[in-house]
All heavy atoms as atom14 arrays in JSON, in Angstrom:
{
  "sequence": "EMKSAWTTDDRNRARPVSKALARSGFHAMELMGIQFC",
  "atom14_mask": [
    [1, 1, 1, 1, 1, 1, 1, 1, 1, 0, 0, 0, 0, 0],
    [1, 1, 1, 1, 1, 1, 1, 1, 0, 0, 0, 0, 0, 0],
    [1, 1, 1, 1, 1, 1, 1, 1, 1, 0, 0, 0, 0, 0],
    [1, 1, 1, 1, 1, 1, 0, 0, 0, 0, 0, 0, 0, 0],
    [1, 1, 1, 1, 1, 0, 0, 0, 0, 0, 0, 0, 0, 0],
    [1, 1, 1, 1, 1, 1, 1, 1, 1, 1, 1, 1, 1, 1],
    [1, 1, 1, 1, 1, 1, 1, 0, 0, 0, 0, 0, 0, 0],
    [1, 1, 1, 1, 1, 1, 1, 0, 0, 0, 0, 0, 0, 0],
    [1, 1, 1, 1, 1, 1, 1, 1, 0, 0, 0, 0, 0, 0],
    [1, 1, 1, 1, 1, 1, 1, 1, 0, 0, 0, 0, 0, 0],
    [1, 1, 1, 1, 1, 1, 1, 1, 1, 1, 1, 0, 0, 0],
    [1, 1, 1, 1, 1, 1, 1, 1, 0, 0, 0, 0, 0, 0],
    [1, 1, 1, 1, 1, 1, 1, 1, 1, 1, 1, 0, 0, 0],
    [1, 1, 1, 1, 1, 0, 0, 0, 0, 0, 0, 0, 0, 0],
    [1, 1, 1, 1, 1, 1, 1, 1, 1, 1, 1, 0, 0, 0],
    [1, 1, 1, 1, 1, 1, 1, 0, 0, 0, 0, 0, 0, 0],
    [1, 1, 1, 1, 1, 1, 1, 0, 0, 0, 0, 0, 0, 0],
    [1, 1, 1, 1, 1, 1, 0, 0, 0, 0, 0, 0, 0, 0],
    [1, 1, 1, 1, 1, 1, 1, 1, 1, 0, 0, 0, 0, 0],
    [1, 1, 1, 1, 1, 0, 0, 0, 0, 0, 0, 0, 0, 0],
    [1, 1, 1, 1, 1, 1, 1, 1, 0, 0, 0, 0, 0, 0],
    [1, 1, 1, 1, 1, 0, 0, 0, 0, 0, 0, 0, 0, 0],
    [1, 1, 1, 1, 1, 1, 1, 1, 1, 1, 1, 0, 0, 0],
    [1, 1, 1, 1, 1, 1, 0, 0, 0, 0, 0, 0, 0, 0],
    [1, 1, 1, 1, 0, 0, 0, 0, 0, 0, 0, 0, 0, 0],
    [1, 1, 1, 1, 1, 1, 1, 1, 1, 1, 1, 0, 0, 0],
    [1, 1, 1, 1, 1, 1, 1, 1, 1, 1, 0, 0, 0, 0],
    [1, 1, 1, 1, 1, 0, 0, 0, 0, 0, 0, 0, 0, 0],
    [1, 1, 1, 1, 1, 1, 1, 1, 0, 0, 0, 0, 0, 0],
    [1, 1, 1, 1, 1, 1, 1, 1, 1, 0, 0, 0, 0, 0],
    [1, 1, 1, 1, 1, 1, 1, 1, 0, 0, 0, 0, 0, 0],
    [1, 1, 1, 1, 1, 1, 1, 1, 0, 0, 0, 0, 0, 0],
    [1, 1, 1, 1, 0, 0, 0, 0, 0, 0, 0, 0, 0, 0],
    [1, 1, 1, 1, 1, 1, 1, 1, 0, 0, 0, 0, 0, 0],
    [1, 1, 1, 1, 1, 1, 1, 1, 1, 0, 0, 0, 0, 0],
    [1, 1, 1, 1, 1, 1, 1, 1, 1, 1, 1, 0, 0, 0],
    [1, 1, 1, 1, 1, 1, 0, 0, 0, 0, 0, 0, 0, 0]
  ],
  "atom14_positions": [
    [[78.8, 49.59, 35.76], [79.99, 48.84, 36.14], [79.6, 47.82, 37.2], [79.08, 48.17, 38.26], [81.07, 49.78, 36.68], [82.36, 49.07, 37.01], [83.5, 50.02, 37.36], [83.23, 51.23, 37.57], [84.65, 49.57, 37.44], [0.0, 0.0, 0.0], [0.0, 0.0, 0.0], [0.0, 0.0, 0.0], [0.0, 0.0, 0.0], [0.0, 0.0, 0.0]],
    [[79.85, 46.56, 36.91], [79.53, 45.48, 37.83], [80.71, 45.27, 38.78], [81.84, 45.08, 38.33], [79.23, 44.19, 37.06], [78.22, 44.36, 35.92], [76.65, 45.08, 36.43], [75.91, 43.66, 37.27], [0.0, 0.0, 0.0], [0.0, 0.0, 0.0], [0.0, 0.0, 0.0], [0.0, 0.0, 0.0], [0.0, 0.0, 0.0], [0.0, 0.0, 0.0]],
    [[80.43, 45.33, 40.08], [81.49, 45.29, 41.09], [81.14, 44.34, 42.22], [80.0, 43.95, 42.42], [81.69, 46.7, 41.68], [82.12, 47.76, 40.69], [83.5, 47.49, 40.09], [84.59, 47.5, 41.14], [85.91, 47.15, 40.56], [0.0, 0.0, 0.0], [0.0, 0.0, 0.0], [0.0, 0.0, 0.0], [0.0, 0.0, 0.0], [0.0, 0.0, 0.0]],
    [[82.2, 44.01, 42.99], [82.06, 43.3, 44.26], [81.32, 41.97, 44.13], [80.51, 41.59, 44.99], [81.33, 44.18, 45.3], [81.83, 45.5, 45.29], [0.0, 0.0, 0.0], [0.0, 0.0, 0.0], [0.0, 0.0, 0.0], [0.0, 0.0, 0.0], [0.0, 0.0, 0.0], [0.0, 0.0, 0.0], [0.0, 0.0, 0.0], [0.0, 0.0, 0.0]],
    [[81.61, 41.25, 43.04], [80.97, 39.94, 42.83], [81.63, 38.88, 43.7], [82.84, 38.89, 43.92], [81.06, 39.55, 41.36], [0.0, 0.0, 0.0], [0.0, 0.0, 0.0], [0.0, 0.0, 0.0], [0.0, 0.0, 0.0], [0.0, 0.0, 0.0], [0.0, 0.0, 0.0], [0.0, 0.0, 0.0], [0.0, 0.0, 0.0], [0.0, 0.0, 0.0]],
    [[80.82, 37.95, 44.18], [81.35, 36.83, 44.93], [80.37, 35.67, 44.87], [79.19, 35.85, 44.55], [81.61, 37.2, 46.41], [80.38, 37.53, 47.19], [79.73, 38.73, 47.26], [79.63, 36.63, 48.03], [78.64, 38.64, 48.08], [78.54, 37.38, 48.57], [79.77, 35.28, 48.38], [77.61, 36.8, 49.42], [78.84, 34.71, 49.23], [77.78, 35.46, 49.75]],
    [[80.88, 34.48, 45.14], [80.04, 33.29, 45.2], [80.42, 32.45, 46.4], [81.51, 32.6, 46.98], [80.16, 32.41, 43.94], [81.5, 31.9, 43.87], [79.84, 33.18, 42.68], [0.0, 0.0, 0.0], [0.0, 0.0, 0.0], [0.0, 0.0, 0.0], [0.0, 0.0, 0.0], [0.0, 0.0, 0.0], [0.0, 0.0, 0.0], [0.0, 0.0, 0.0]],
    [[79.54, 31.56, 46.77], [79.77, 30.64, 47.87], [81.05, 29.82, 47.65], [81.48, 29.6, 46.52], [78.57, 29.68, 48.01], [78.87, 28.69, 49.0], [78.26, 28.97, 46.7], [0.0, 0.0, 0.0], [0.0, 0.0, 0.0], [0.0, 0.0, 0.0], [0.0, 0.0, 0.0], [0.0, 0.0, 0.0], [0.0, 0.0, 0.0], [0.0, 0.0, 0.0]],
    [[81.63, 29.35, 48.75], [82.79, 28.47, 48.64], [82.38, 27.01, 48.52], [83.24, 26.12, 48.47], [83.74, 28.65, 49.83], [83.06, 28.5, 51.18], [81.87, 28.16, 51.2], [83.72, 28.73, 52.2], [0.0, 0.0, 0.0], [0.0, 0.0, 0.0], [0.0, 0.0, 0.0], [0.0, 0.0, 0.0], [0.0, 0.0, 0.0], [0.0, 0.0, 0.0]],
    [[81.07, 26.75, 48.44], [80.56, 25.41, 48.15], [80.8, 25.13, 46.68], [80.14, 25.69, 45.81], [79.08, 25.35, 48.49], [78.47, 23.97, 48.23], [79.05, 23.19, 47.43], [77.39, 23.69, 48.8], [0.0, 0.0, 0.0], [0.0, 0.0, 0.0], [0.0, 0.0, 0.0], [0.0, 0.0, 0.0], [0.0, 0.0, 0.0], [0.0, 0.0, 0.0]],
    [[81.73, 24.25, 46.35], [82.12, 24.02, 44.96], [80.98, 23.52, 44.09], [80.93, 23.79, 42.9], [83.27, 23.01, 44.91], [84.54, 23.55, 45.53], [85.72, 22.61, 45.33], [86.93, 23.2, 45.88], [88.1, 23.12, 45.29], [88.22, 22.51, 44.14], [89.17, 23.67, 45.86], [0.0, 0.0, 0.0], [0.0, 0.0, 0.0], [0.0, 0.0, 0.0]],
    [[80.06, 22.79, 44.68], [78.93, 22.27, 43.91], [77.96, 23.36, 43.49], [77.25, 23.22, 42.49], [78.17, 21.2, 44.72], [79.01, 19.96, 44.95], [79.8, 19.57, 44.1], [78.86, 19.36, 46.12], [0.0, 0.0, 0.0], [0.0, 0.0, 0.0], [0.0, 0.0, 0.0], [0.0, 0.0, 0.0], [0.0, 0.0, 0.0], [0.0, 0.0, 0.0]],
    [[77.94, 24.44, 44.26], [77.0, 25.52, 43.96], [77.67, 26.74, 43.34], [76.98, 27.57, 42.73], [76.29, 25.96, 45.24], [75.28, 24.94, 45.75], [74.34, 25.57, 46.76], [73.22, 24.67, 47.05], [72.17, 25.01, 47.78], [72.09, 26.23, 48.27], [71.2, 24.15, 48.0], [0.0, 0.0, 0.0], [0.0, 0.0, 0.0], [0.0, 0.0, 0.0]],
    [[78.97, 26.87, 43.48], [79.66, 28.09, 43.05], [79.5, 28.35, 41.55], [79.22, 29.48, 41.14], [81.14, 28.01, 43.41], [0.0, 0.0, 0.0], [0.0, 0.0, 0.0], [0.0, 0.0, 0.0], [0.0, 0.0, 0.0], [0.0, 0.0, 0.0], [0.0, 0.0, 0.0], [0.0, 0.0, 0.0], [0.0, 0.0, 0.0], [0.0, 0.0, 0.0]],
    [[79.67, 27.31, 40.73], [79.61, 27.53, 39.28], [78.21, 27.94, 38.82], [78.08, 28.92, 38.08], [80.1, 26.3, 38.52], [80.21, 26.52, 37.01], [81.01, 25.42, 36.36], [82.41, 25.51, 36.71], [83.29, 26.3, 36.11], [82.88, 27.1, 35.12], [84.54, 26.32, 36.48], [0.0, 0.0, 0.0], [0.0, 0.0, 0.0], [0.0, 0.0, 0.0]],
    [[77.13, 27.24, 39.21], [75.8, 27.69, 38.77], [75.44, 29.07, 39.32], [74.76, 29.85, 38.65], [74.85, 26.6, 39.27], [75.6, 25.84, 40.29], [77.04, 25.92, 39.91], [0.0, 0.0, 0.0], [0.0, 0.0, 0.0], [0.0, 0.0, 0.0], [0.0, 0.0, 0.0], [0.0, 0.0, 0.0], [0.0, 0.0, 0.0], [0.0, 0.0, 0.0]],
    [[75.88, 29.38, 40.54], [75.64, 30.72, 41.08], [76.36, 31.76, 40.23], [75.81, 32.82, 39.89], [76.08, 30.81, 42.56], [76.12, 32.26, 43.03], [75.13, 30.01, 43.44], [0.0, 0.0, 0.0], [0.0, 0.0, 0.0], [0.0, 0.0, 0.0], [0.0, 0.0, 0.0], [0.0, 0.0, 0.0], [0.0, 0.0, 0.0], [0.0, 0.0, 0.0]],
    [[77.61, 31.46, 39.88], [78.4, 32.38, 39.06], [77.75, 32.61, 37.71], [77.68, 33.75, 37.21], [79.82, 31.83, 38.89], [80.61, 32.7, 38.12], [0.0, 0.0, 0.0], [0.0, 0.0, 0.0], [0.0, 0.0, 0.0], [0.0, 0.0, 0.0], [0.0, 0.0, 0.0], [0.0, 0.0, 0.0], [0.0, 0.0, 0.0], [0.0, 0.0, 0.0]],
    [[77.24, 31.54, 37.08], [76.6, 31.69, 35.77], [75.3, 32.49, 35.87], [74.97, 33.26, 34.96], [76.34, 30.32, 35.15], [77.6, 29.59, 34.73], [77.32, 28.36, 33.91], [76.94, 28.68, 32.49], [76.91, 27.49, 31.62], [0.0, 0.0, 0.0], [0.0, 0.0, 0.0], [0.0, 0.0, 0.0], [0.0, 0.0, 0.0], [0.0, 0.0, 0.0]],
    [[74.59, 32.33, 36.97], [73.38, 33.13, 37.17], [73.73, 34.61, 37.33], [73.08, 35.48, 36.74], [72.61, 32.62, 38.39], [0.0, 0.0, 0.0], [0.0, 0.0, 0.0], [0.0, 0.0, 0.0], [0.0, 0.0, 0.0], [0.0, 0.0, 0.0], [0.0, 0.0, 0.0], [0.0, 0.0, 0.0], [0.0, 0.0, 0.0], [0.0, 0.0, 0.0]],
    [[74.76, 34.88, 38.12], [75.17, 36.27, 38.32], [75.73, 36.88, 37.04], [75.65, 38.1, 36.85], [76.21, 36.34, 39.44], [75.7, 36.03, 40.85], [76.86, 36.0, 41.84], [74.66, 37.06, 41.29], [0.0, 0.0, 0.0], [0.0, 0.0, 0.0], [0.0, 0.0, 0.0], [0.0, 0.0, 0.0], [0.0, 0.0, 0.0], [0.0, 0.0, 0.0]],
    [[76.29, 36.05, 36.17], [76.83, 36.56, 34.9], [75.73, 37.17, 34.03], [76.01, 37.97, 33.14], [77.53, 35.43, 34.14], [0.0, 0.0, 0.0], [0.0, 0.0, 0.0], [0.0, 0.0, 0.0], [0.0, 0.0, 0.0], [0.0, 0.0, 0.0], [0.0, 0.0, 0.0], [0.0, 0.0, 0.0], [0.0, 0.0, 0.0], [0.0, 0.0, 0.0]],
    [[74.49, 36.82, 34.29], [73.36, 37.36, 33.53], [72.81, 38.65, 34.16], [71.93, 39.3, 33.57], [72.23, 36.32, 33.45], [72.66, 34.99, 32.84], [71.46, 34.1, 32.55], [70.74, 33.64, 33.71], [71.0, 32.53, 34.41], [72.03, 31.77, 34.07], [70.25, 32.18, 35.45], [0.0, 0.0, 0.0], [0.0, 0.0, 0.0], [0.0, 0.0, 0.0]],
    [[73.3, 39.01, 35.32], [72.69, 40.1, 36.08], [72.73, 41.45, 35.38], [71.77, 42.23, 35.47], [73.38, 40.21, 37.45], [74.77, 40.48, 37.29], [0.0, 0.0, 0.0], [0.0, 0.0, 0.0], [0.0, 0.0, 0.0], [0.0, 0.0, 0.0], [0.0, 0.0, 0.0], [0.0, 0.0, 0.0], [0.0, 0.0, 0.0], [0.0, 0.0, 0.0]],
    [[73.8, 41.73, 34.67], [73.89, 43.02, 34.01], [72.76, 43.3, 33.05], [72.35, 44.45, 32.87], [0.0, 0.0, 0.0], [0.0, 0.0, 0.0], [0.0, 0.0, 0.0], [0.0, 0.0, 0.0], [0.0, 0.0, 0.0], [0.0, 0.0, 0.0], [0.0, 0.0, 0.0], [0.0, 0.0, 0.0], [0.0, 0.0, 0.0], [0.0, 0.0, 0.0]],
    [[72.23, 42.24, 32.46], [71.14, 42.42, 31.49], [69.84, 42.84, 32.17], [69.03, 43.56, 31.57], [70.94, 41.13, 30.68], [72.09, 40.86, 29.76], [73.15, 40.07, 30.16], [72.13, 41.45, 28.49], [74.23, 39.85, 29.32], [73.21, 41.21, 27.65], [74.26, 40.42, 28.07], [0.0, 0.0, 0.0], [0.0, 0.0, 0.0], [0.0, 0.0, 0.0]],
    [[69.65, 42.44, 33.41], [68.47, 42.88, 34.14], [68.55, 44.4, 34.35], [67.56, 45.12, 34.16], [68.37, 42.2, 35.5], [68.59, 40.73, 35.46], [69.22, 40.04, 36.48], [68.27, 39.8, 34.52], [69.27, 38.76, 36.17], [68.71, 38.59, 34.99], [0.0, 0.0, 0.0], [0.0, 0.0, 0.0], [0.0, 0.0, 0.0], [0.0, 0.0, 0.0]],
    [[69.74, 44.86, 34.73], [69.94, 46.29, 34.96], [69.84, 47.08, 33.66], [69.23, 48.16, 33.63], [71.3, 46.53, 35.61], [0.0, 0.0, 0.0], [0.0, 0.0, 0.0], [0.0, 0.0, 0.0], [0.0, 0.0, 0.0], [0.0, 0.0, 0.0], [0.0, 0.0, 0.0], [0.0, 0.0, 0.0], [0.0, 0.0, 0.0], [0.0, 0.0, 0.0]],
    [[70.42, 46.56, 32.59], [70.35, 47.26, 31.32], [68.91, 47.37, 30.83], [68.5, 48.38, 30.25], [71.24, 46.57, 30.28], [72.73, 46.75, 30.55], [73.79, 46.16, 29.2], [73.79, 44.38, 29.49], [0.0, 0.0, 0.0], [0.0, 0.0, 0.0], [0.0, 0.0, 0.0], [0.0, 0.0, 0.0], [0.0, 0.0, 0.0], [0.0, 0.0, 0.0]],
    [[68.12, 46.32, 31.09], [66.71, 46.34, 30.71], [65.96, 47.41, 31.5], [65.18, 48.19, 30.93], [66.08, 44.97, 30.99], [64.58, 44.89, 30.78], [64.18, 44.99, 29.32], [65.02, 44.7, 28.44], [63.01, 45.35, 29.06], [0.0, 0.0, 0.0], [0.0, 0.0, 0.0], [0.0, 0.0, 0.0], [0.0, 0.0, 0.0], [0.0, 0.0, 0.0]],
    [[66.19, 47.47, 32.79], [65.49, 48.41, 33.64], [65.85, 49.86, 33.32], [65.01, 50.75, 33.4], [65.82, 48.13, 35.11], [65.12, 46.94, 35.76], [65.74, 46.65, 37.12], [63.64, 47.21, 35.9], [0.0, 0.0, 0.0], [0.0, 0.0, 0.0], [0.0, 0.0, 0.0], [0.0, 0.0, 0.0], [0.0, 0.0, 0.0], [0.0, 0.0, 0.0]],
    [[67.12, 50.1, 32.95], [67.6, 51.46, 32.8], [67.77, 51.9, 31.36], [68.18, 53.03, 31.1], [68.92, 51.62, 33.56], [68.8, 51.36, 35.05], [70.28, 51.83, 35.95], [70.19, 53.62, 35.8], [0.0, 0.0, 0.0], [0.0, 0.0, 0.0], [0.0, 0.0, 0.0], [0.0, 0.0, 0.0], [0.0, 0.0, 0.0], [0.0, 0.0, 0.0]],
    [[67.46, 51.01, 30.41], [67.6, 51.39, 29.02], [69.04, 51.65, 28.62], [69.33, 52.54, 27.8], [0.0, 0.0, 0.0], [0.0, 0.0, 0.0], [0.0, 0.0, 0.0], [0.0, 0.0, 0.0], [0.0, 0.0, 0.0], [0.0, 0.0, 0.0], [0.0, 0.0, 0.0], [0.0, 0.0, 0.0], [0.0, 0.0, 0.0], [0.0, 0.0, 0.0]],
    [[69.96, 50.88, 29.18], [71.39, 51.08, 28.97], [71.94, 50.04, 28.02], [71.49, 48.89, 28.0], [72.11, 51.04, 30.34], [71.92, 52.4, 31.04], [73.58, 50.7, 30.22], [72.45, 52.46, 32.43], [0.0, 0.0, 0.0], [0.0, 0.0, 0.0], [0.0, 0.0, 0.0], [0.0, 0.0, 0.0], [0.0, 0.0, 0.0], [0.0, 0.0, 0.0]],
    [[72.94, 50.43, 27.23], [73.49, 49.51, 26.23], [74.67, 48.68, 26.73], [74.85, 47.54, 26.3], [73.94, 50.29, 24.98], [74.43, 49.37, 23.86], [74.8, 50.12, 22.59], [74.44, 51.28, 22.43], [75.52, 49.46, 21.71], [0.0, 0.0, 0.0], [0.0, 0.0, 0.0], [0.0, 0.0, 0.0], [0.0, 0.0, 0.0], [0.0, 0.0, 0.0]],
    [[75.47, 49.21, 27.66], [76.71, 48.56, 28.04], [76.82, 48.26, 29.53], [76.34, 49.02, 30.38], [77.92, 49.42, 27.66], [78.11, 49.61, 26.19], [77.72, 50.78, 25.57], [78.69, 48.61, 25.41], [77.9, 50.97, 24.21], [78.87, 48.78, 24.04], [78.47, 49.96, 23.44], [0.0, 0.0, 0.0], [0.0, 0.0, 0.0], [0.0, 0.0, 0.0]],
    [[77.49, 47.15, 29.83], [77.98, 46.85, 31.17], [79.46, 46.52, 31.05], [79.93, 46.05, 30.01], [77.26, 45.64, 31.77], [75.77, 46.04, 32.68], [0.0, 0.0, 0.0], [0.0, 0.0, 0.0], [0.0, 0.0, 0.0], [0.0, 0.0, 0.0], [0.0, 0.0, 0.0], [0.0, 0.0, 0.0], [0.0, 0.0, 0.0], [0.0, 0.0, 0.0]]
  ]
}
């Protein structure tokens, strides 16, 4: 379960940071052999 997400209030950086974090669950699923987030 992905929780407590946040991004900077800098509008120019918030969207790319958010898109990068959107990929984070796959790093964890890879490490733990898990199918779902």
